[in-house]
Structure formats: structure tokens, C-alpha cells
Amino acid sequence: MFEWIYHRYWLHRPWLPPQMFTAHTLVHHQLCKHEDTFHVTEEEQEEALSFQWWGGPILVSLNCIPWAIVALLTRGTGYPGWTVVATIGATIFVYYIAYEGLHHLMHKPQVPWIENAGFFQFIKKHHRLHHVYMGKNFNVVLPLADLLLGTLVLNDPQPARLTEPAAKQVARRHSRWGRRLRAEATGLAETSSPPDSLVSPPES
């Protein structure tokens, strides 16, 4: 359930920190949009394939905070509060690793024995549909919340289509790759301009 909430209301909403929304919705979803771009084939597409390094620790911490409060409130009662906190933290961390690993393989196949498994093929199709319909199929590892909350889509009623060129332009307005291209273009423009010493002064 937390994965569904996190994906829908954090990765697809411009809340704090805004880097998560920018990287996921404005970069990753634009560069890996339809069938022709879902698989990563260009270096530019790899930029937002994974979360920022601090994503995992924040997710684990957010899930552990309520249980840590319970542990503090129940000290001396025999309730194994900190054991519960550690167990939940470890579970969320393993789930996060599964999320990152499976998501990476969906977009950049590298381990055939995993990718050929029937369950992987199912969740890969599930995630591919999310890239077409961003308001559907928020789960990546286990789509139970999508089923329970009415956001599950099993098939695309529309024929396959190509990613429009404007999608890459949207990504480049927000990506590090785009900033680098603009910096290089600015540098070339400055290089092609005549040096100041060769510019004629205005006539008085």
C-alpha cells in the first residue's frame, strides 16, 4: 500500500522534495514513454532510471517513524517495540531493493532468467501500461493496491503508438542531460562570436 501511495502522491505530484517528481514524471516518464522508448537504449534515458541515493533511506525512515513512536509510548510494557521497528525497516528496505532492481530490469533487460519468468513478464506489462497511463498501475513489485483501489489496467485498448518528439524536449528542460546540452550550446555560441578586441568600436 505504501508503494502505491508513494508512487501516486509523491512521484507524480510536485511535493517536497521536488526532485522526486521532476526526475520521475518530467524526465523518466518522458524518455521511456511508449513501446519504442520503454527500453533504455540511449545514455540519456539512464539519468532517472533509478531514484536518487537518498530515496531509500527516506522511504525506510518514513515507514519506521510511526512504529518508533509506538515503541517509545509502550516502553516497559513488554511490547517488543524496537524489534517491530527493525523488522519493518528491514522489510521496507528489501522491498525497496526489489522495486529498484525489478524496475531497472524492466527498462534495461540484463538478467534473462529473471526476465523470462512469467511473473516478471506480468509485472513488466503492468508497468509498461503505467508509462502509457500515468494515473494507473502504480505498483511495480506487487499490484495488489492497484487491484484494491481501482487503478489496475490489464490491457491497452488503444493501438501501439510512438513517442512524440515533444516528450524528449520536456525531459531536456528538466534533466541534467538537457542542462549539459544547453551549456555546450552556449559555449559554442560564445566561441563562434568574435573576440572583443576585433569588434569595431561604435562611431562617435
C-alpha atoms as a PDB file:
ATOM      1  CA  MET A   1       0.000   0.000   0.000  1.00  0.00           C
ATOM      2  CA  PHE A   2       2.802   2.404   0.851  1.00  0.00           C
ATOM      3  CA  GLU A   3       4.346   1.850  -2.591  1.00  0.00           C
ATOM      4  CA  TRP A   4       1.044   2.844  -4.224  1.00  0.00           C
ATOM      5  CA  ILE A   5       0.683   5.985  -2.077  1.00  0.00           C
ATOM      6  CA  TYR A   6       4.327   6.930  -2.575  1.00  0.00           C
ATOM      7  CA  HIS A   7       4.178   6.406  -6.333  1.00  0.00           C
ATOM      8  CA  ARG A   8       0.890   8.223  -6.891  1.00  0.00           C
ATOM      9  CA  TYR A   9       1.154  11.114  -4.464  1.00  0.00           C
ATOM     10  CA  TRP A  10       4.902  11.740  -4.357  1.00  0.00           C
ATOM     11  CA  LEU A  11       6.445  10.643  -7.635  1.00  0.00           C
ATOM     12  CA  HIS A  12       3.534  12.057  -9.643  1.00  0.00           C
ATOM     13  CA  ARG A  13       2.848  15.166  -7.576  1.00  0.00           C
ATOM     14  CA  PRO A  14       5.209  18.174  -7.256  1.00  0.00           C
ATOM     15  CA  TRP A  15       5.554  17.903  -3.480  1.00  0.00           C
ATOM     16  CA  LEU A  16       8.721  18.253  -1.453  1.00  0.00           C
ATOM     17  CA  PRO A  17      11.366  17.331  -2.293  1.00  0.00           C
ATOM     18  CA  PRO A  18      10.512  18.360  -5.863  1.00  0.00           C
ATOM     19  CA  GLN A  19      13.467  16.427  -7.282  1.00  0.00           C
ATOM     20  CA  MET A  20      11.483  13.184  -6.981  1.00  0.00           C
ATOM     21  CA  PHE A  21       8.597  14.454  -9.131  1.00  0.00           C
ATOM     22  CA  THR A  22      10.926  16.105 -11.626  1.00  0.00           C
ATOM     23  CA  ALA A  23      13.136  13.064 -12.092  1.00  0.00           C
ATOM     24  CA  HIS A  24      10.289  10.570 -12.272  1.00  0.00           C
ATOM     25  CA  THR A  25       7.440  12.328 -14.085  1.00  0.00           C
ATOM     26  CA  LEU A  26       9.174  15.019 -16.111  1.00  0.00           C
ATOM     27  CA  VAL A  27      12.289  13.050 -17.082  1.00  0.00           C
ATOM     28  CA  HIS A  28      11.864   9.274 -16.749  1.00  0.00           C
ATOM     29  CA  HIS A  29       8.271   9.110 -17.969  1.00  0.00           C
ATOM     30  CA  GLN A  30       9.054  11.327 -20.950  1.00  0.00           C
ATOM     31  CA  LEU A  31      12.167   9.439 -22.041  1.00  0.00           C
ATOM     32  CA  CYS A  32      10.592   5.978 -21.576  1.00  0.00           C
ATOM     33  CA  LYS A  33       7.063   6.611 -22.729  1.00  0.00           C
ATOM     34  CA  HIS A  34       5.709   4.148 -25.315  1.00  0.00           C
ATOM     35  CA  GLU A  35       6.778   0.849 -26.867  1.00  0.00           C
ATOM     36  CA  ASP A  36       9.549   2.450 -28.934  1.00  0.00           C
ATOM     37  CA  THR A  37      11.222   4.094 -25.944  1.00  0.00           C
ATOM     38  CA  PHE A  38      10.232   1.894 -22.975  1.00  0.00           C
ATOM     39  CA  HIS A  39      13.551   0.025 -23.092  1.00  0.00           C
ATOM     40  CA  VAL A  40      16.623   2.102 -22.351  1.00  0.00           C
ATOM     41  CA  THR A  41      18.779   2.229 -25.474  1.00  0.00           C
ATOM     42  CA  GLU A  42      20.337   5.692 -25.129  1.00  0.00           C
ATOM     43  CA  GLU A  43      22.590   7.086 -22.427  1.00  0.00           C
ATOM     44  CA  GLU A  44      20.212   9.988 -21.903  1.00  0.00           C
ATOM     45  CA  GLN A  45      17.443   7.628 -20.746  1.00  0.00           C
ATOM     46  CA  GLU A  46      19.523   6.286 -17.862  1.00  0.00           C
ATOM     47  CA  GLU A  47      19.523   9.546 -15.907  1.00  0.00           C
ATOM     48  CA  ALA A  48      16.303   8.963 -13.960  1.00  0.00           C
ATOM     49  CA  LEU A  49      16.121   5.181 -14.237  1.00  0.00           C
ATOM     50  CA  SER A  50      16.845   4.861 -10.511  1.00  0.00           C
ATOM     51  CA  PHE A  51      15.986   7.034  -7.529  1.00  0.00           C
ATOM     52  CA  GLN A  52      18.428   9.469  -6.005  1.00  0.00           C
ATOM     53  CA  TRP A  53      20.750   7.864  -3.445  1.00  0.00           C
ATOM     54  CA  TRP A  54      18.763   9.320  -0.535  1.00  0.00           C
ATOM     55  CA  GLY A  55      15.439   7.891  -1.717  1.00  0.00           C
ATOM     56  CA  GLY A  56      15.845   4.546   0.042  1.00  0.00           C
ATOM     57  CA  PRO A  57      16.806   5.900   3.485  1.00  0.00           C
ATOM     58  CA  ILE A  58      13.937   8.409   3.390  1.00  0.00           C
ATOM     59  CA  LEU A  59      11.387   5.724   2.499  1.00  0.00           C
ATOM     60  CA  VAL A  60      12.603   3.410   5.245  1.00  0.00           C
ATOM     61  CA  SER A  61      12.583   6.254   7.779  1.00  0.00           C
ATOM     62  CA  LEU A  62       9.072   7.403   6.863  1.00  0.00           C
ATOM     63  CA  ASN A  63       7.740   3.896   7.362  1.00  0.00           C
ATOM     64  CA  CYS A  64       9.563   3.444  10.657  1.00  0.00           C
ATOM     65  CA  ILE A  65       8.596   6.746  12.310  1.00  0.00           C
ATOM     66  CA  PRO A  66       5.048   5.726  13.372  1.00  0.00           C
ATOM     67  CA  TRP A  67       6.302   2.434  14.781  1.00  0.00           C
ATOM     68  CA  ALA A  68       9.150   4.178  16.583  1.00  0.00           C
ATOM     69  CA  ILE A  69       6.591   6.461  18.263  1.00  0.00           C
ATOM     70  CA  VAL A  70       4.617   3.391  19.329  1.00  0.00           C
ATOM     71  CA  ALA A  71       7.811   1.826  20.680  1.00  0.00           C
ATOM     72  CA  LEU A  72       8.531   4.928  22.773  1.00  0.00           C
ATOM     73  CA  LEU A  73       4.984   5.058  24.117  1.00  0.00           C
ATOM     74  CA  THR A  74       4.980   1.390  25.096  1.00  0.00           C
ATOM     75  CA  ARG A  75       8.319   1.212  26.874  1.00  0.00           C
ATOM     76  CA  GLY A  76       8.197  -1.025  29.914  1.00  0.00           C
ATOM     77  CA  THR A  77       5.019  -2.801  28.812  1.00  0.00           C
ATOM     78  CA  GLY A  78       6.660  -5.862  27.325  1.00  0.00           C
ATOM     79  CA  TYR A  79       5.762  -4.856  23.797  1.00  0.00           C
ATOM     80  CA  PRO A  80       8.809  -5.532  21.559  1.00  0.00           C
ATOM     81  CA  GLY A  81       8.615  -2.078  20.029  1.00  0.00           C
ATOM     82  CA  TRP A  82      12.139  -1.717  18.698  1.00  0.00           C
ATOM     83  CA  THR A  83      12.132  -5.251  17.345  1.00  0.00           C
ATOM     84  CA  VAL A  84       8.996  -4.327  15.394  1.00  0.00           C
ATOM     85  CA  VAL A  85      10.687  -1.146  14.130  1.00  0.00           C
ATOM     86  CA  ALA A  86      13.745  -3.102  12.985  1.00  0.00           C
ATOM     87  CA  THR A  87      11.617  -5.763  11.290  1.00  0.00           C
ATOM     88  CA  ILE A  88       9.512  -3.196   9.438  1.00  0.00           C
ATOM     89  CA  GLY A  89      12.595  -1.221   8.436  1.00  0.00           C
ATOM     90  CA  ALA A  90      14.303  -4.335   7.078  1.00  0.00           C
ATOM     91  CA  THR A  91      11.148  -5.392   5.209  1.00  0.00           C
ATOM     92  CA  ILE A  92      10.734  -1.968   3.584  1.00  0.00           C
ATOM     93  CA  PHE A  93      14.429  -1.926   2.652  1.00  0.00           C
ATOM     94  CA  VAL A  94      14.178  -5.341   0.952  1.00  0.00           C
ATOM     95  CA  TYR A  95      11.023  -4.201  -0.853  1.00  0.00           C
ATOM     96  CA  TYR A  96      12.811  -1.046  -1.981  1.00  0.00           C
ATOM     97  CA  ILE A  97      15.722  -3.086  -3.354  1.00  0.00           C
ATOM     98  CA  ALA A  98      13.229  -5.320  -5.190  1.00  0.00           C
ATOM     99  CA  TYR A  99      11.480  -2.238  -6.573  1.00  0.00           C
ATOM    100  CA  GLU A 100      14.695  -0.689  -7.841  1.00  0.00           C
ATOM    101  CA  GLY A 101      16.085  -3.949  -9.199  1.00  0.00           C
ATOM    102  CA  LEU A 102      12.936  -5.104 -10.993  1.00  0.00           C
ATOM    103  CA  HIS A 103      12.229  -1.624 -12.336  1.00  0.00           C
ATOM    104  CA  HIS A 104      15.753  -1.454 -13.725  1.00  0.00           C
ATOM    105  CA  LEU A 105      15.373  -4.825 -15.460  1.00  0.00           C
ATOM    106  CA  MET A 106      12.004  -3.829 -16.917  1.00  0.00           C
ATOM    107  CA  HIS A 107      13.588  -0.909 -18.727  1.00  0.00           C
ATOM    108  CA  LYS A 108      17.063  -2.344 -19.280  1.00  0.00           C
ATOM    109  CA  PRO A 109      16.979  -6.152 -19.569  1.00  0.00           C
ATOM    110  CA  GLN A 110      20.180  -7.792 -18.355  1.00  0.00           C
ATOM    111  CA  VAL A 111      19.252 -10.988 -16.455  1.00  0.00           C
ATOM    112  CA  PRO A 112      17.375 -13.378 -18.788  1.00  0.00           C
ATOM    113  CA  TRP A 113      16.472 -15.993 -16.166  1.00  0.00           C
ATOM    114  CA  ILE A 114      14.546 -13.331 -14.219  1.00  0.00           C
ATOM    115  CA  GLU A 115      13.135 -11.529 -17.244  1.00  0.00           C
ATOM    116  CA  ASN A 116      11.804 -14.741 -18.831  1.00  0.00           C
ATOM    117  CA  ALA A 117       9.810 -15.684 -15.731  1.00  0.00           C
ATOM    118  CA  GLY A 118       6.046 -15.479 -16.124  1.00  0.00           C
ATOM    119  CA  PHE A 119       5.533 -13.245 -13.080  1.00  0.00           C
ATOM    120  CA  PHE A 120       8.188 -10.810 -14.273  1.00  0.00           C
ATOM    121  CA  GLN A 121       6.553 -10.631 -17.688  1.00  0.00           C
ATOM    122  CA  PHE A 122       3.239  -9.858 -15.991  1.00  0.00           C
ATOM    123  CA  ILE A 123       4.569  -7.014 -13.825  1.00  0.00           C
ATOM    124  CA  LYS A 124       6.624  -5.661 -16.743  1.00  0.00           C
ATOM    125  CA  LYS A 125       3.470  -5.399 -18.862  1.00  0.00           C
ATOM    126  CA  HIS A 126       1.733  -3.876 -15.844  1.00  0.00           C
ATOM    127  CA  HIS A 127       4.455  -1.229 -15.552  1.00  0.00           C
ATOM    128  CA  ARG A 128       4.571  -0.588 -19.304  1.00  0.00           C
ATOM    129  CA  LEU A 129       0.884   0.324 -19.148  1.00  0.00           C
ATOM    130  CA  HIS A 130       1.657   2.735 -16.307  1.00  0.00           C
ATOM    131  CA  HIS A 131       4.007   4.601 -18.635  1.00  0.00           C
ATOM    132  CA  VAL A 132       1.149   4.989 -21.102  1.00  0.00           C
ATOM    133  CA  TYR A 133      -1.491   5.794 -18.455  1.00  0.00           C
ATOM    134  CA  MET A 134       0.263   7.564 -15.579  1.00  0.00           C
ATOM    135  CA  GLY A 135      -2.904   7.508 -13.478  1.00  0.00           C
ATOM    136  CA  LYS A 136      -2.997   3.700 -13.497  1.00  0.00           C
ATOM    137  CA  ASN A 137      -0.843   0.752 -12.377  1.00  0.00           C
ATOM    138  CA  PHE A 138       1.190   2.465  -9.671  1.00  0.00           C
ATOM    139  CA  ASN A 139       2.534  -0.742  -8.129  1.00  0.00           C
ATOM    140  CA  VAL A 140       5.753  -2.108  -9.569  1.00  0.00           C
ATOM    141  CA  VAL A 141       6.531  -5.183  -7.450  1.00  0.00           C
ATOM    142  CA  LEU A 142       3.104  -6.467  -6.431  1.00  0.00           C
ATOM    143  CA  PRO A 143      -0.038  -4.820  -7.896  1.00  0.00           C
ATOM    144  CA  LEU A 144      -2.389  -5.643  -5.023  1.00  0.00           C
ATOM    145  CA  ALA A 145      -3.069  -1.994  -4.134  1.00  0.00           C
ATOM    146  CA  ASP A 146      -3.896  -1.247  -7.780  1.00  0.00           C
ATOM    147  CA  LEU A 147      -6.445  -4.056  -7.669  1.00  0.00           C
ATOM    148  CA  LEU A 148      -7.970  -2.925  -4.374  1.00  0.00           C
ATOM    149  CA  LEU A 149      -8.008   0.805  -5.168  1.00  0.00           C
ATOM    150  CA  GLY A 150      -9.349   0.606  -8.711  1.00  0.00           C
ATOM    151  CA  THR A 151      -6.231   1.684 -10.626  1.00  0.00           C
ATOM    152  CA  LEU A 152      -5.473  -1.677 -12.224  1.00  0.00           C
ATOM    153  CA  VAL A 153      -5.317  -1.813 -16.045  1.00  0.00           C
ATOM    154  CA  LEU A 154      -4.543  -5.139 -17.693  1.00  0.00           C
ATOM    155  CA  ASN A 155      -4.647  -4.198 -21.372  1.00  0.00           C
ATOM    156  CA  ASP A 156      -4.249  -1.121 -23.536  1.00  0.00           C
ATOM    157  CA  PRO A 157      -7.434  -0.514 -25.541  1.00  0.00           C
ATOM    158  CA  GLN A 158      -5.519   1.713 -27.944  1.00  0.00           C
ATOM    159  CA  PRO A 159      -3.119   0.502 -30.665  1.00  0.00           C
ATOM    160  CA  ALA A 160       0.598   0.847 -30.008  1.00  0.00           C
ATOM    161  CA  ARG A 161       1.906   4.333 -30.731  1.00  0.00           C
ATOM    162  CA  LEU A 162       5.257   6.041 -30.990  1.00  0.00           C
ATOM    163  CA  THR A 163       6.689   8.505 -28.519  1.00  0.00           C
ATOM    164  CA  GLU A 164       6.203  12.048 -29.754  1.00  0.00           C
ATOM    165  CA  PRO A 165       9.377  14.176 -30.152  1.00  0.00           C
ATOM    166  CA  ALA A 166       7.953  16.738 -27.705  1.00  0.00           C
ATOM    167  CA  ALA A 167       8.377  14.226 -24.859  1.00  0.00           C
ATOM    168  CA  LYS A 168      12.166  14.350 -25.137  1.00  0.00           C
ATOM    169  CA  GLN A 169      12.053  18.143 -25.230  1.00  0.00           C
ATOM    170  CA  VAL A 170      10.047  18.179 -21.992  1.00  0.00           C
ATOM    171  CA  ALA A 171      12.618  15.892 -20.365  1.00  0.00           C
ATOM    172  CA  ARG A 172      15.517  18.020 -21.527  1.00  0.00           C
ATOM    173  CA  ARG A 173      14.020  21.125 -19.953  1.00  0.00           C
ATOM    174  CA  HIS A 174      14.405  19.429 -16.566  1.00  0.00           C
ATOM    175  CA  SER A 175      17.238  16.899 -16.899  1.00  0.00           C
ATOM    176  CA  ARG A 176      20.959  17.142 -16.256  1.00  0.00           C
ATOM    177  CA  TRP A 177      21.439  15.947 -19.831  1.00  0.00           C
ATOM    178  CA  GLY A 178      19.428  18.902 -21.088  1.00  0.00           C
ATOM    179  CA  ARG A 179      21.381  21.339 -18.941  1.00  0.00           C
ATOM    180  CA  ARG A 180      24.612  19.939 -20.344  1.00  0.00           C
ATOM    181  CA  LEU A 181      23.358  20.362 -23.916  1.00  0.00           C
ATOM    182  CA  ARG A 182      22.380  23.962 -23.201  1.00  0.00           C
ATOM    183  CA  ALA A 183      25.753  24.650 -21.604  1.00  0.00           C
ATOM    184  CA  GLU A 184      27.557  23.175 -24.601  1.00  0.00           C
ATOM    185  CA  ALA A 185      25.400  25.206 -26.975  1.00  0.00           C
ATOM    186  CA  THR A 186      26.140  28.373 -25.019  1.00  0.00           C
ATOM    187  CA  GLY A 187      29.856  27.600 -25.100  1.00  0.00           C
ATOM    188  CA  LEU A 188      29.786  27.072 -28.850  1.00  0.00           C
ATOM    189  CA  ALA A 189      27.893  30.308 -29.343  1.00  0.00           C
ATOM    190  CA  GLU A 190      30.442  32.193 -27.284  1.00  0.00           C
ATOM    191  CA  THR A 191      33.314  30.556 -29.178  1.00  0.00           C
ATOM    192  CA  SER A 192      31.828  31.499 -32.540  1.00  0.00           C
ATOM    193  CA  SER A 193      31.489  35.167 -31.531  1.00  0.00           C
ATOM    194  CA  PRO A 194      34.402  37.430 -32.486  1.00  0.00           C
ATOM    195  CA  PRO A 195      36.670  38.391 -29.597  1.00  0.00           C
ATOM    196  CA  ASP A 196      36.160  41.817 -28.101  1.00  0.00           C
ATOM    197  CA  SER A 197      39.448  43.065 -29.481  1.00  0.00           C
ATOM    198  CA  LEU A 198      38.219  42.521 -33.025  1.00  0.00           C
ATOM    199  CA  VAL A 199      34.884  44.267 -32.621  1.00  0.00           C
ATOM    200  CA  SER A 200      34.893  47.772 -34.072  1.00  0.00           C
ATOM    201  CA  PRO A 201      34.046  50.467 -31.504  1.00  0.00           C
ATOM    202  CA  PRO A 202      30.924  52.499 -32.192  1.00  0.00           C
ATOM    203  CA  GLU A 203      31.468  55.682 -34.146  1.00  0.00           C
ATOM    204  CA  SER A 204      31.195  58.816 -32.082  1.00  0.00           C
END
